[in-house]
């Protein structure tokens, strides 16, 4: 999610064991970024597939600039904050940062480091775990810790379903292990980038030939990516009741991966609208002043896998304020729990 004004860059951790298809998926995101500028941090460069060198366009631990402005850096854990600081500078124009973990890395540690960062220019964008459907049983036998990794994930991409003899069983097993995470089957790492970030740049890219321009034709699968997930757009000119909305958000269903947009809480806070950013279990609100003369309305987009969009829409309708007297000065307390700096223990669920 791109927040105008107090703009924060989502940092996505991309994990999975060797051979699961992380680099293929990263290549796909770079080619289908919609012009967005991606900062790609490759953790433990020497342990990944040779394809990553093609992504980075370099041999060795160098920082390079690609045709569409993507930045690729080889990085280890101790350098993570340094590179996050570098990529989050406004001058880079970075729209999203993807950290590709080593196939033997502990994703929980990378997630912890991102969440622990005090850099005001970044926000946690979720843990994406990639698994190889064809080798899932064998990988699980060799690496039983995969069950724990799946339980921590916000989104699981079950890759190579075209190579698995019993793909439906594997996807079902992964869903049972992944808890509340959204689970998306894929082939060749083809997942719609909208699951990860908004596919439009924060600013106009002038005179820049992107991967999208080079690959706009010739991929017959591109038009079918949307079938892997469901989305819901919700808009209303009536303010939302903060207590009702928090109950909705705290009980959001399995598979609902992303929530983004702006909320009008009306009489509860007449001076601010609230940008909302949720990915998996992570939730945060960002109050920002209304633009003078702007229409006050709530606009939300919900994205997930196997979600009941109609039911979610009905539940959001029930969050609309009913116009009753507003003497409840504590009504916003639940929201403020998820505003960074407004509570002692902000915002991760």
C-alpha atoms as a PDB file:
ATOM      1  CA  UNK A   1       0.000   0.000   0.000  1.00  0.00           C
ATOM      2  CA  UNK A   2       1.290   3.465  -0.854  1.00  0.00           C
ATOM      3  CA  UNK A   3       0.346   6.150   1.649  1.00  0.00           C
ATOM      4  CA  UNK A   4       0.354   9.613   0.180  1.00  0.00           C
ATOM      5  CA  UNK A   5       1.899  12.273   2.356  1.00  0.00           C
ATOM      6  CA  UNK A   6       3.271  10.097   5.148  1.00  0.00           C
ATOM      7  CA  UNK A   7       4.221   7.483   2.576  1.00  0.00           C
ATOM      8  CA  UNK A   8       5.402   4.084   3.810  1.00  0.00           C
ATOM      9  CA  UNK A   9       6.924   1.353   1.674  1.00  0.00           C
ATOM     10  CA  UNK A  10       5.721  -2.227   2.274  1.00  0.00           C
ATOM     11  CA  UNK A  11       8.499  -4.747   2.947  1.00  0.00           C
ATOM     12  CA  UNK A  12       7.541  -8.276   1.847  1.00  0.00           C
ATOM     13  CA  UNK A  13       9.545 -11.289   3.058  1.00  0.00           C
ATOM     14  CA  UNK A  14       9.623 -14.031   0.381  1.00  0.00           C
ATOM     15  CA  UNK A  15      10.611 -17.389   1.865  1.00  0.00           C
ATOM     16  CA  UNK A  16      10.637 -21.062   0.934  1.00  0.00           C
ATOM     17  CA  UNK A  17      13.062 -23.972   0.723  1.00  0.00           C
ATOM     18  CA  UNK A  18      15.578 -24.344  -2.082  1.00  0.00           C
ATOM     19  CA  UNK A  19      13.918 -25.159  -5.385  1.00  0.00           C
ATOM     20  CA  UNK A  20      10.423 -24.060  -4.367  1.00  0.00           C
ATOM     21  CA  UNK A  21      10.388 -21.313  -6.975  1.00  0.00           C
ATOM     22  CA  UNK A  22      11.100 -18.112  -5.018  1.00  0.00           C
ATOM     23  CA  UNK A  23      13.415 -16.676  -7.661  1.00  0.00           C
ATOM     24  CA  UNK A  24      10.969 -17.539 -10.437  1.00  0.00           C
ATOM     25  CA  UNK A  25       8.223 -15.771  -8.529  1.00  0.00           C
ATOM     26  CA  UNK A  26      10.466 -12.743  -7.909  1.00  0.00           C
ATOM     27  CA  UNK A  27      11.321 -12.609 -11.612  1.00  0.00           C
ATOM     28  CA  UNK A  28       7.610 -12.676 -12.381  1.00  0.00           C
ATOM     29  CA  UNK A  29       6.935  -9.777  -9.993  1.00  0.00           C
ATOM     30  CA  UNK A  30       9.729  -7.746 -11.589  1.00  0.00           C
ATOM     31  CA  UNK A  31       8.348  -8.354 -15.072  1.00  0.00           C
ATOM     32  CA  UNK A  32       4.757  -7.574 -14.065  1.00  0.00           C
ATOM     33  CA  UNK A  33       5.269  -4.695 -11.651  1.00  0.00           C
ATOM     34  CA  UNK A  34       3.008  -2.332 -13.564  1.00  0.00           C
ATOM     35  CA  UNK A  35       5.785   0.242 -13.562  1.00  0.00           C
ATOM     36  CA  UNK A  36       6.232   0.139  -9.790  1.00  0.00           C
ATOM     37  CA  UNK A  37       9.813   0.349  -8.579  1.00  0.00           C
ATOM     38  CA  UNK A  38      10.856  -2.756  -6.653  1.00  0.00           C
ATOM     39  CA  UNK A  39      13.761  -2.945  -4.238  1.00  0.00           C
ATOM     40  CA  UNK A  40      14.802  -6.608  -4.188  1.00  0.00           C
ATOM     41  CA  UNK A  41      17.048  -7.757  -1.348  1.00  0.00           C
ATOM     42  CA  UNK A  42      18.484 -11.216  -1.925  1.00  0.00           C
ATOM     43  CA  UNK A  43      19.476 -12.812   1.361  1.00  0.00           C
ATOM     44  CA  UNK A  44      22.498 -15.168   1.235  1.00  0.00           C
ATOM     45  CA  UNK A  45      23.246 -14.560  -2.437  1.00  0.00           C
ATOM     46  CA  UNK A  46      25.504 -17.566  -2.905  1.00  0.00           C
ATOM     47  CA  UNK A  47      22.857 -20.069  -1.865  1.00  0.00           C
ATOM     48  CA  UNK A  48      20.207 -19.187  -4.421  1.00  0.00           C
ATOM     49  CA  UNK A  49      19.637 -20.349  -7.952  1.00  0.00           C
ATOM     50  CA  UNK A  50      21.586 -18.872 -10.851  1.00  0.00           C
ATOM     51  CA  UNK A  51      18.337 -17.255 -12.038  1.00  0.00           C
ATOM     52  CA  UNK A  52      18.785 -14.609  -9.369  1.00  0.00           C
ATOM     53  CA  UNK A  53      21.929 -13.403 -11.114  1.00  0.00           C
ATOM     54  CA  UNK A  54      19.822 -12.779 -14.193  1.00  0.00           C
ATOM     55  CA  UNK A  55      17.380 -10.855 -12.021  1.00  0.00           C
ATOM     56  CA  UNK A  56      20.133  -8.758 -10.490  1.00  0.00           C
ATOM     57  CA  UNK A  57      22.049  -8.374 -13.739  1.00  0.00           C
ATOM     58  CA  UNK A  58      25.338  -8.670 -11.880  1.00  0.00           C
ATOM     59  CA  UNK A  59      27.861 -11.124 -10.528  1.00  0.00           C
ATOM     60  CA  UNK A  60      28.815 -10.523  -6.928  1.00  0.00           C
ATOM     61  CA  UNK A  61      27.564  -8.452  -4.018  1.00  0.00           C
ATOM     62  CA  UNK A  62      26.779  -5.267  -5.912  1.00  0.00           C
ATOM     63  CA  UNK A  63      23.843  -2.919  -6.083  1.00  0.00           C
ATOM     64  CA  UNK A  64      22.534  -2.442  -9.607  1.00  0.00           C
ATOM     65  CA  UNK A  65      19.783  -0.552 -11.391  1.00  0.00           C
ATOM     66  CA  UNK A  66      17.613  -2.413 -13.883  1.00  0.00           C
ATOM     67  CA  UNK A  67      15.708  -1.008 -16.836  1.00  0.00           C
ATOM     68  CA  UNK A  68      12.517  -0.562 -14.843  1.00  0.00           C
ATOM     69  CA  UNK A  69      14.288   0.976 -11.877  1.00  0.00           C
ATOM     70  CA  UNK A  70      14.326  -2.165  -9.748  1.00  0.00           C
ATOM     71  CA  UNK A  71      17.235  -2.369  -7.341  1.00  0.00           C
ATOM     72  CA  UNK A  72      18.756  -5.708  -6.431  1.00  0.00           C
ATOM     73  CA  UNK A  73      21.215  -6.138  -3.584  1.00  0.00           C
ATOM     74  CA  UNK A  74      22.940  -9.176  -2.124  1.00  0.00           C
ATOM     75  CA  UNK A  75      22.536  -8.864   1.619  1.00  0.00           C
ATOM     76  CA  UNK A  76      22.907 -10.816   4.824  1.00  0.00           C
ATOM     77  CA  UNK A  77      20.908 -10.309   7.982  1.00  0.00           C
ATOM     78  CA  UNK A  78      23.397  -7.931   9.592  1.00  0.00           C
ATOM     79  CA  UNK A  79      23.119  -5.596   6.597  1.00  0.00           C
ATOM     80  CA  UNK A  80      19.340  -5.577   6.405  1.00  0.00           C
ATOM     81  CA  UNK A  81      18.744  -2.273   8.191  1.00  0.00           C
ATOM     82  CA  UNK A  82      21.406  -0.583   6.090  1.00  0.00           C
ATOM     83  CA  UNK A  83      19.717  -1.584   2.841  1.00  0.00           C
ATOM     84  CA  UNK A  84      16.216  -0.830   4.108  1.00  0.00           C
ATOM     85  CA  UNK A  85      17.412   2.656   4.989  1.00  0.00           C
ATOM     86  CA  UNK A  86      18.971   3.065   1.550  1.00  0.00           C
ATOM     87  CA  UNK A  87      15.962   1.826  -0.394  1.00  0.00           C
ATOM     88  CA  UNK A  88      13.440   3.783   1.682  1.00  0.00           C
ATOM     89  CA  UNK A  89      14.998   7.146   0.861  1.00  0.00           C
ATOM     90  CA  UNK A  90      12.516   9.293  -1.069  1.00  0.00           C
ATOM     91  CA  UNK A  91      15.109   9.855  -3.789  1.00  0.00           C
ATOM     92  CA  UNK A  92      15.011   6.160  -4.787  1.00  0.00           C
ATOM     93  CA  UNK A  93      11.327   6.239  -5.671  1.00  0.00           C
ATOM     94  CA  UNK A  94      10.950   2.686  -4.325  1.00  0.00           C
ATOM     95  CA  UNK A  95       7.329   1.487  -4.194  1.00  0.00           C
ATOM     96  CA  UNK A  96       7.831  -1.938  -2.581  1.00  0.00           C
ATOM     97  CA  UNK A  97      10.757  -3.909  -1.114  1.00  0.00           C
ATOM     98  CA  UNK A  98      10.911  -7.695  -1.502  1.00  0.00           C
ATOM     99  CA  UNK A  99      13.395  -9.645   0.625  1.00  0.00           C
ATOM    100  CA  UNK A 100      14.111 -13.038  -0.921  1.00  0.00           C
ATOM    101  CA  UNK A 101      15.277 -15.229   1.940  1.00  0.00           C
ATOM    102  CA  UNK A 102      17.829 -17.975   1.529  1.00  0.00           C
ATOM    103  CA  UNK A 103      16.321 -21.410   1.035  1.00  0.00           C
ATOM    104  CA  UNK A 104      17.699 -22.395   4.440  1.00  0.00           C
ATOM    105  CA  UNK A 105      16.943 -19.133   6.221  1.00  0.00           C
ATOM    106  CA  UNK A 106      14.656 -18.796   9.230  1.00  0.00           C
ATOM    107  CA  UNK A 107      11.882 -16.493   7.928  1.00  0.00           C
ATOM    108  CA  UNK A 108      10.731 -15.655  11.447  1.00  0.00           C
ATOM    109  CA  UNK A 109      14.001 -13.831  12.071  1.00  0.00           C
ATOM    110  CA  UNK A 110      13.660 -11.703   8.938  1.00  0.00           C
ATOM    111  CA  UNK A 111      10.066 -10.872   9.858  1.00  0.00           C
ATOM    112  CA  UNK A 112      11.173  -9.953  13.373  1.00  0.00           C
ATOM    113  CA  UNK A 113      13.844  -7.632  11.994  1.00  0.00           C
ATOM    114  CA  UNK A 114      11.373  -5.879   9.702  1.00  0.00           C
ATOM    115  CA  UNK A 115       8.825  -5.453  12.501  1.00  0.00           C
ATOM    116  CA  UNK A 116      11.538  -4.217  14.852  1.00  0.00           C
ATOM    117  CA  UNK A 117      12.692  -1.547  12.430  1.00  0.00           C
ATOM    118  CA  UNK A 118      11.966   1.967  13.644  1.00  0.00           C
ATOM    119  CA  UNK A 119      12.357   3.455  10.185  1.00  0.00           C
ATOM    120  CA  UNK A 120       9.253   5.615   9.581  1.00  0.00           C
ATOM    121  CA  UNK A 121       9.418   5.030   5.841  1.00  0.00           C
ATOM    122  CA  UNK A 122       8.655   1.295   5.843  1.00  0.00           C
ATOM    123  CA  UNK A 123       5.827  -0.966   6.945  1.00  0.00           C
ATOM    124  CA  UNK A 124       5.658  -4.746   7.167  1.00  0.00           C
ATOM    125  CA  UNK A 125       4.160  -6.159   3.968  1.00  0.00           C
ATOM    126  CA  UNK A 126       3.749  -9.789   5.004  1.00  0.00           C
ATOM    127  CA  UNK A 127       5.507 -13.160   4.944  1.00  0.00           C
ATOM    128  CA  UNK A 128       5.013 -15.052   1.687  1.00  0.00           C
ATOM    129  CA  UNK A 129       5.985 -18.725   1.840  1.00  0.00           C
ATOM    130  CA  UNK A 130       6.526 -20.590  -1.453  1.00  0.00           C
ATOM    131  CA  UNK A 131       6.209 -24.383  -1.499  1.00  0.00           C
ATOM    132  CA  UNK A 132       6.833 -26.898  -4.274  1.00  0.00           C
ATOM    133  CA  UNK A 133       3.640 -28.897  -4.753  1.00  0.00           C
ATOM    134  CA  UNK A 134       5.442 -31.743  -6.535  1.00  0.00           C
ATOM    135  CA  UNK A 135       8.018 -32.143  -3.762  1.00  0.00           C
ATOM    136  CA  UNK A 136       5.997 -31.020  -0.765  1.00  0.00           C
ATOM    137  CA  UNK A 137       5.779 -34.382   1.021  1.00  0.00           C
ATOM    138  CA  UNK A 138       9.488 -35.086   0.544  1.00  0.00           C
ATOM    139  CA  UNK A 139      10.434 -31.538   1.611  1.00  0.00           C
ATOM    140  CA  UNK A 140       8.274 -31.810   4.707  1.00  0.00           C
ATOM    141  CA  UNK A 141       9.921 -35.103   5.631  1.00  0.00           C
ATOM    142  CA  UNK A 142      13.411 -33.558   5.324  1.00  0.00           C
ATOM    143  CA  UNK A 143      12.453 -30.215   6.875  1.00  0.00           C
ATOM    144  CA  UNK A 144       9.649 -30.650   9.436  1.00  0.00           C
ATOM    145  CA  UNK A 145      10.077 -26.989  10.374  1.00  0.00           C
ATOM    146  CA  UNK A 146       8.074 -26.157   7.249  1.00  0.00           C
ATOM    147  CA  UNK A 147       4.909 -26.682   9.318  1.00  0.00           C
ATOM    148  CA  UNK A 148       5.985 -23.840  11.587  1.00  0.00           C
ATOM    149  CA  UNK A 149       6.899 -21.634   8.623  1.00  0.00           C
ATOM    150  CA  UNK A 150       3.460 -22.179   7.083  1.00  0.00           C
ATOM    151  CA  UNK A 151       1.760 -21.333  10.363  1.00  0.00           C
ATOM    152  CA  UNK A 152       3.632 -18.001  10.426  1.00  0.00           C
ATOM    153  CA  UNK A 153       2.899 -17.080   6.796  1.00  0.00           C
ATOM    154  CA  UNK A 154       0.432 -14.444   5.671  1.00  0.00           C
ATOM    155  CA  UNK A 155       0.284 -15.802   2.114  1.00  0.00           C
ATOM    156  CA  UNK A 156       1.304 -19.258   0.850  1.00  0.00           C
ATOM    157  CA  UNK A 157       1.990 -19.829  -2.840  1.00  0.00           C
ATOM    158  CA  UNK A 158       1.690 -23.511  -3.717  1.00  0.00           C
ATOM    159  CA  UNK A 159       3.918 -23.481  -6.777  1.00  0.00           C
ATOM    160  CA  UNK A 160       4.369 -26.115  -9.523  1.00  0.00           C
ATOM    161  CA  UNK A 161       0.844 -27.502  -9.168  1.00  0.00           C
ATOM    162  CA  UNK A 162       1.127 -28.542 -12.814  1.00  0.00           C
ATOM    163  CA  UNK A 163       3.869 -31.005 -11.848  1.00  0.00           C
ATOM    164  CA  UNK A 164       2.095 -32.577  -8.870  1.00  0.00           C
ATOM    165  CA  UNK A 165       0.179 -35.800  -9.448  1.00  0.00           C
ATOM    166  CA  UNK A 166      -2.235 -34.949  -6.605  1.00  0.00           C
ATOM    167  CA  UNK A 167      -2.173 -31.169  -6.515  1.00  0.00           C
ATOM    168  CA  UNK A 168      -5.608 -30.844  -4.878  1.00  0.00           C
ATOM    169  CA  UNK A 169      -4.509 -32.988  -1.930  1.00  0.00           C
ATOM    170  CA  UNK A 170      -1.331 -30.949  -1.507  1.00  0.00           C
ATOM    171  CA  UNK A 171      -3.192 -27.642  -1.634  1.00  0.00           C
ATOM    172  CA  UNK A 172      -5.699 -28.945   0.921  1.00  0.00           C
ATOM    173  CA  UNK A 173      -2.903 -30.137   3.214  1.00  0.00           C
ATOM    174  CA  UNK A 174      -1.136 -26.789   2.957  1.00  0.00           C
ATOM    175  CA  UNK A 175      -4.379 -24.994   3.826  1.00  0.00           C
ATOM    176  CA  UNK A 176      -4.755 -27.153   6.932  1.00  0.00           C
ATOM    177  CA  UNK A 177      -1.220 -26.245   8.021  1.00  0.00           C
ATOM    178  CA  UNK A 178      -1.354 -22.567   7.096  1.00  0.00           C
ATOM    179  CA  UNK A 179      -4.042 -21.492   9.547  1.00  0.00           C
ATOM    180  CA  UNK A 180      -5.445 -18.091   8.621  1.00  0.00           C
ATOM    181  CA  UNK A 181      -3.063 -17.513   5.707  1.00  0.00           C
ATOM    182  CA  UNK A 182      -4.333 -17.100   2.169  1.00  0.00           C
ATOM    183  CA  UNK A 183      -3.273 -20.074   0.015  1.00  0.00           C
ATOM    184  CA  UNK A 184      -2.871 -19.585  -3.738  1.00  0.00           C
ATOM    185  CA  UNK A 185      -1.935 -22.348  -6.231  1.00  0.00           C
ATOM    186  CA  UNK A 186       0.415 -21.324  -9.040  1.00  0.00           C
ATOM    187  CA  UNK A 187       2.500 -22.560 -11.946  1.00  0.00           C
ATOM    188  CA  UNK A 188       5.877 -21.073 -12.845  1.00  0.00           C
ATOM    189  CA  UNK A 189       5.529 -18.587  -9.971  1.00  0.00           C
ATOM    190  CA  UNK A 190       2.753 -16.709 -11.749  1.00  0.00           C
ATOM    191  CA  UNK A 191       0.875 -14.886  -9.018  1.00  0.00           C
ATOM    192  CA  UNK A 192      -0.874 -11.584  -9.556  1.00  0.00           C
ATOM    193  CA  UNK A 193       1.398  -8.824  -8.190  1.00  0.00           C
ATOM    194  CA  UNK A 194      -1.687  -7.077  -6.775  1.00  0.00           C
ATOM    195  CA  UNK A 195      -1.515  -9.611  -3.952  1.00  0.00           C
ATOM    196  CA  UNK A 196       1.826  -8.081  -2.960  1.00  0.00           C
ATOM    197  CA  UNK A 197       1.625  -4.399  -3.842  1.00  0.00           C
ATOM    198  CA  UNK A 198      -0.302  -1.791  -5.794  1.00  0.00           C
ATOM    199  CA  UNK A 199       0.788  -2.106  -9.414  1.00  0.00           C
ATOM    200  CA  UNK A 200       1.063   1.567 -10.123  1.00  0.00           C
ATOM    201  CA  UNK A 201       4.061   3.725  -9.306  1.00  0.00           C
ATOM    202  CA  UNK A 202       4.043   6.482  -6.711  1.00  0.00           C
ATOM    203  CA  UNK A 203       5.192   8.918  -9.381  1.00  0.00           C
ATOM    204  CA  UNK A 204       5.266   9.072 -13.155  1.00  0.00           C
ATOM    205  CA  UNK A 205       8.156   7.222 -14.781  1.00  0.00           C
ATOM    206  CA  UNK A 206       9.368   9.343 -17.669  1.00  0.00           C
ATOM    207  CA  UNK A 207      11.564   7.924 -20.421  1.00  0.00           C
ATOM    208  CA  UNK A 208      11.893   4.555 -18.737  1.00  0.00           C
ATOM    209  CA  UNK A 209      11.490   1.300 -20.630  1.00  0.00           C
ATOM    210  CA  UNK A 210      10.040  -1.184 -18.194  1.00  0.00           C
ATOM    211  CA  UNK A 211       9.911  -4.966 -18.193  1.00  0.00           C
ATOM    212  CA  UNK A 212       6.176  -4.556 -18.798  1.00  0.00           C
ATOM    213  CA  UNK A 213       6.895  -2.866 -22.128  1.00  0.00           C
ATOM    214  CA  UNK A 214       9.218  -5.694 -23.144  1.00  0.00           C
ATOM    215  CA  UNK A 215       6.903  -8.513 -22.100  1.00  0.00           C
ATOM    216  CA  UNK A 216       3.435  -7.141 -22.735  1.00  0.00           C
ATOM    217  CA  UNK A 217       2.835  -9.795 -25.388  1.00  0.00           C
ATOM    218  CA  UNK A 218       3.666 -13.462 -25.553  1.00  0.00           C
ATOM    219  CA  UNK A 219       2.469 -14.676 -22.132  1.00  0.00           C
ATOM    220  CA  UNK A 220      -0.878 -16.304 -22.618  1.00  0.00           C
ATOM    221  CA  UNK A 221      -1.198 -17.022 -18.903  1.00  0.00           C
ATOM    222  CA  UNK A 222      -1.139 -13.410 -17.764  1.00  0.00           C
ATOM    223  CA  UNK A 223      -4.839 -12.803 -18.249  1.00  0.00           C
ATOM    224  CA  UNK A 224      -5.742 -15.714 -15.977  1.00  0.00           C
ATOM    225  CA  UNK A 225      -3.816 -14.687 -12.886  1.00  0.00           C
ATOM    226  CA  UNK A 226      -6.856 -13.104 -11.294  1.00  0.00           C
ATOM    227  CA  UNK A 227      -8.511 -16.505 -10.971  1.00  0.00           C
ATOM    228  CA  UNK A 228      -6.184 -17.321  -8.058  1.00  0.00           C
ATOM    229  CA  UNK A 229      -7.748 -14.788  -5.711  1.00  0.00           C
ATOM    230  CA  UNK A 230     -10.917 -12.839  -4.960  1.00  0.00           C
ATOM    231  CA  UNK A 231     -11.306  -9.148  -4.277  1.00  0.00           C
ATOM    232  CA  UNK A 232     -13.976  -6.850  -2.900  1.00  0.00           C
ATOM    233  CA  UNK A 233     -14.278  -3.086  -3.267  1.00  0.00           C
ATOM    234  CA  UNK A 234     -16.360  -1.276  -0.660  1.00  0.00           C
ATOM    235  CA  UNK A 235     -17.249   2.413  -0.658  1.00  0.00           C
ATOM    236  CA  UNK A 236     -19.723   4.515   1.283  1.00  0.00           C
ATOM    237  CA  UNK A 237     -20.314   8.187   1.964  1.00  0.00           C
ATOM    238  CA  UNK A 238     -21.582   7.360   5.441  1.00  0.00           C
ATOM    239  CA  UNK A 239     -18.990   7.159   8.246  1.00  0.00           C
ATOM    240  CA  UNK A 240     -18.094   3.855   9.876  1.00  0.00           C
ATOM    241  CA  UNK A 241     -18.574   3.001  13.522  1.00  0.00           C
ATOM    242  CA  UNK A 242     -15.079   2.325  14.969  1.00  0.00           C
ATOM    243  CA  UNK A 243     -16.220  -0.333  17.443  1.00  0.00           C
ATOM    244  CA  UNK A 244     -18.030  -2.306  14.770  1.00  0.00           C
ATOM    245  CA  UNK A 245     -15.133  -2.013  12.339  1.00  0.00           C
ATOM    246  CA  UNK A 246     -12.607  -3.256  14.903  1.00  0.00           C
ATOM    247  CA  UNK A 247     -14.834  -6.260  15.662  1.00  0.00           C
ATOM    248  CA  UNK A 248     -14.909  -6.974  11.922  1.00  0.00           C
ATOM    249  CA  UNK A 249     -11.143  -6.623  11.560  1.00  0.00           C
ATOM    250  CA  UNK A 250     -10.312  -8.656  14.662  1.00  0.00           C
ATOM    251  CA  UNK A 251     -12.440 -11.542  13.366  1.00  0.00           C
ATOM    252  CA  UNK A 252     -11.476 -11.326   9.680  1.00  0.00           C
ATOM    253  CA  UNK A 253     -11.668 -14.747   8.045  1.00  0.00           C
ATOM    254  CA  UNK A 254      -9.002 -17.141   6.890  1.00  0.00           C
ATOM    255  CA  UNK A 255      -7.671 -16.353   3.456  1.00  0.00           C
ATOM    256  CA  UNK A 256      -8.262 -12.592   3.679  1.00  0.00           C
ATOM    257  CA  UNK A 257      -4.736 -11.446   2.896  1.00  0.00           C
ATOM    258  CA  UNK A 258      -4.843  -7.691   2.306  1.00  0.00           C
ATOM    259  CA  UNK A 259      -7.019  -4.761   3.304  1.00  0.00           C
ATOM    260  CA  UNK A 260      -6.154  -1.286   2.085  1.00  0.00           C
ATOM    261  CA  UNK A 261      -7.894   2.040   1.737  1.00  0.00           C
ATOM    262  CA  UNK A 262      -9.237   4.998   3.691  1.00  0.00           C
ATOM    263  CA  UNK A 263     -11.878   5.241   6.398  1.00  0.00           C
ATOM    264  CA  UNK A 264     -14.112   8.081   7.528  1.00  0.00           C
ATOM    265  CA  UNK A 265     -15.043   7.769  11.199  1.00  0.00           C
ATOM    266  CA  UNK A 266     -17.257  10.849  10.983  1.00  0.00           C
ATOM    267  CA  UNK A 267     -18.152  12.380  14.353  1.00  0.00           C
ATOM    268  CA  UNK A 268     -15.592  10.218  16.166  1.00  0.00           C
ATOM    269  CA  UNK A 269     -12.783  12.173  14.476  1.00  0.00           C
ATOM    270  CA  UNK A 270     -13.903  15.038  12.261  1.00  0.00           C
ATOM    271  CA  UNK A 271     -10.359  16.214  11.513  1.00  0.00           C
ATOM    272  CA  UNK A 272      -8.799  13.038  10.118  1.00  0.00           C
ATOM    273  CA  UNK A 273      -9.384  10.245   7.714  1.00  0.00           C
ATOM    274  CA  UNK A 274      -7.637   6.939   8.515  1.00  0.00           C
ATOM    275  CA  UNK A 275      -5.566   5.016   6.005  1.00  0.00           C
ATOM    276  CA  UNK A 276      -5.708   1.306   6.849  1.00  0.00           C
ATOM    277  CA  UNK A 277      -3.069  -1.285   5.972  1.00  0.00           C
ATOM    278  CA  UNK A 278      -3.633  -4.943   6.861  1.00  0.00           C
ATOM    279  CA  UNK A 279      -1.669  -7.916   5.628  1.00  0.00           C
ATOM    280  CA  UNK A 280      -2.353 -11.304   7.177  1.00  0.00           C
ATOM    281  CA  UNK A 281      -2.422 -10.777  10.933  1.00  0.00           C
ATOM    282  CA  UNK A 282      -0.731  -7.362  10.755  1.00  0.00           C
ATOM    283  CA  UNK A 283      -2.953  -4.292  11.061  1.00  0.00           C
ATOM    284  CA  UNK A 284      -2.178  -0.608  11.265  1.00  0.00           C
ATOM    285  CA  UNK A 285      -4.061   2.695  10.918  1.00  0.00           C
ATOM    286  CA  UNK A 286      -2.572   6.018   9.830  1.00  0.00           C
ATOM    287  CA  UNK A 287      -4.532   9.183  10.679  1.00  0.00           C
ATOM    288  CA  UNK A 288      -4.048  12.042   8.248  1.00  0.00           C
ATOM    289  CA  UNK A 289      -5.865  15.366   7.887  1.00  0.00           C
ATOM    290  CA  UNK A 290      -8.692  15.634   5.415  1.00  0.00           C
ATOM    291  CA  UNK A 291      -7.828  17.697   2.373  1.00  0.00           C
ATOM    292  CA  UNK A 292      -9.885  20.910   2.494  1.00  0.00           C
ATOM    293  CA  UNK A 293     -12.932  20.531   0.294  1.00  0.00           C
ATOM    294  CA  UNK A 294     -12.405  16.791  -0.253  1.00  0.00           C
ATOM    295  CA  UNK A 295     -15.416  14.498  -0.277  1.00  0.00           C
ATOM    296  CA  UNK A 296     -15.523  12.496   2.931  1.00  0.00           C
ATOM    297  CA  UNK A 297     -16.043   8.827   2.222  1.00  0.00           C
ATOM    298  CA  UNK A 298     -14.750   5.367   3.051  1.00  0.00           C
ATOM    299  CA  UNK A 299     -13.024   3.395   0.294  1.00  0.00           C
ATOM    300  CA  UNK A 300     -11.655  -0.089   0.936  1.00  0.00           C
ATOM    301  CA  UNK A 301     -10.258  -2.960  -1.123  1.00  0.00           C
ATOM    302  CA  UNK A 302     -10.092  -6.480   0.336  1.00  0.00           C
ATOM    303  CA  UNK A 303      -8.027  -9.203  -1.368  1.00  0.00           C
ATOM    304  CA  UNK A 304      -7.788 -12.882  -0.482  1.00  0.00           C
ATOM    305  CA  UNK A 305      -8.087 -16.477  -1.575  1.00  0.00           C
ATOM    306  CA  UNK A 306     -11.356 -18.411  -1.201  1.00  0.00           C
ATOM    307  CA  UNK A 307     -13.085 -15.537   0.567  1.00  0.00           C
ATOM    308  CA  UNK A 308     -16.827 -14.939   0.490  1.00  0.00           C
ATOM    309  CA  UNK A 309     -16.884 -11.444  -0.977  1.00  0.00           C
ATOM    310  CA  UNK A 310     -20.662 -11.064  -0.699  1.00  0.00           C
ATOM    311  CA  UNK A 311     -20.663 -11.916   3.011  1.00  0.00           C
ATOM    312  CA  UNK A 312     -17.715  -9.610   3.697  1.00  0.00           C
ATOM    313  CA  UNK A 313     -19.561  -6.806   1.941  1.00  0.00           C
ATOM    314  CA  UNK A 314     -22.615  -7.396   4.136  1.00  0.00           C
ATOM    315  CA  UNK A 315     -20.442  -7.377   7.255  1.00  0.00           C
ATOM    316  CA  UNK A 316     -18.868  -4.081   6.216  1.00  0.00           C
ATOM    317  CA  UNK A 317     -22.323  -2.615   5.628  1.00  0.00           C
ATOM    318  CA  UNK A 318     -23.118  -3.457   9.249  1.00  0.00           C
ATOM    319  CA  UNK A 319     -20.081  -1.368  10.260  1.00  0.00           C
ATOM    320  CA  UNK A 320     -21.691   1.766   8.856  1.00  0.00           C
ATOM    321  CA  UNK A 321     -22.658   4.243  11.567  1.00  0.00           C
ATOM    322  CA  UNK A 322     -26.402   4.284  12.283  1.00  0.00           C
ATOM    323  CA  UNK A 323     -26.581   7.951  13.205  1.00  0.00           C
ATOM    324  CA  UNK A 324     -27.216   7.420  16.929  1.00  0.00           C
ATOM    325  CA  UNK A 325     -25.950  10.071  19.403  1.00  0.00           C
ATOM    326  CA  UNK A 326     -22.158   9.868  19.814  1.00  0.00           C
ATOM    327  CA  UNK A 327     -21.362  10.320  23.493  1.00  0.00           C
ATOM    328  CA  UNK A 328     -18.960   7.367  23.531  1.00  0.00           C
ATOM    329  CA  UNK A 329     -15.573   9.031  23.994  1.00  0.00           C
ATOM    330  CA  UNK A 330     -13.929   5.599  24.095  1.00  0.00           C
ATOM    331  CA  UNK A 331     -15.230   4.586  20.692  1.00  0.00           C
ATOM    332  CA  UNK A 332     -11.881   5.167  18.988  1.00  0.00           C
ATOM    333  CA  UNK A 333      -9.777   3.322  21.548  1.00  0.00           C
ATOM    334  CA  UNK A 334      -9.806   0.106  19.537  1.00  0.00           C
ATOM    335  CA  UNK A 335      -8.577   1.945  16.441  1.00  0.00           C
ATOM    336  CA  UNK A 336      -5.861   3.768  18.377  1.00  0.00           C
ATOM    337  CA  UNK A 337      -4.434   0.413  19.498  1.00  0.00           C
ATOM    338  CA  UNK A 338      -3.304   0.043  15.893  1.00  0.00           C
ATOM    339  CA  UNK A 339      -1.923   3.549  15.387  1.00  0.00           C
ATOM    340  CA  UNK A 340       1.854   3.560  15.724  1.00  0.00           C
ATOM    341  CA  UNK A 341       2.920   5.721  18.639  1.00  0.00           C
ATOM    342  CA  UNK A 342      -0.615   6.093  20.004  1.00  0.00           C
ATOM    343  CA  UNK A 343      -0.431   2.976  22.175  1.00  0.00           C
ATOM    344  CA  UNK A 344       2.262   1.200  24.142  1.00  0.00           C
ATOM    345  CA  UNK A 345       1.985  -1.992  22.130  1.00  0.00           C
ATOM    346  CA  UNK A 346       1.083  -1.011  18.559  1.00  0.00           C
ATOM    347  CA  UNK A 347      -0.352  -3.004  15.854  1.00  0.00           C
ATOM    348  CA  UNK A 348       0.461  -6.568  15.123  1.00  0.00           C
ATOM    349  CA  UNK A 349      -2.242  -9.209  15.170  1.00  0.00           C
END
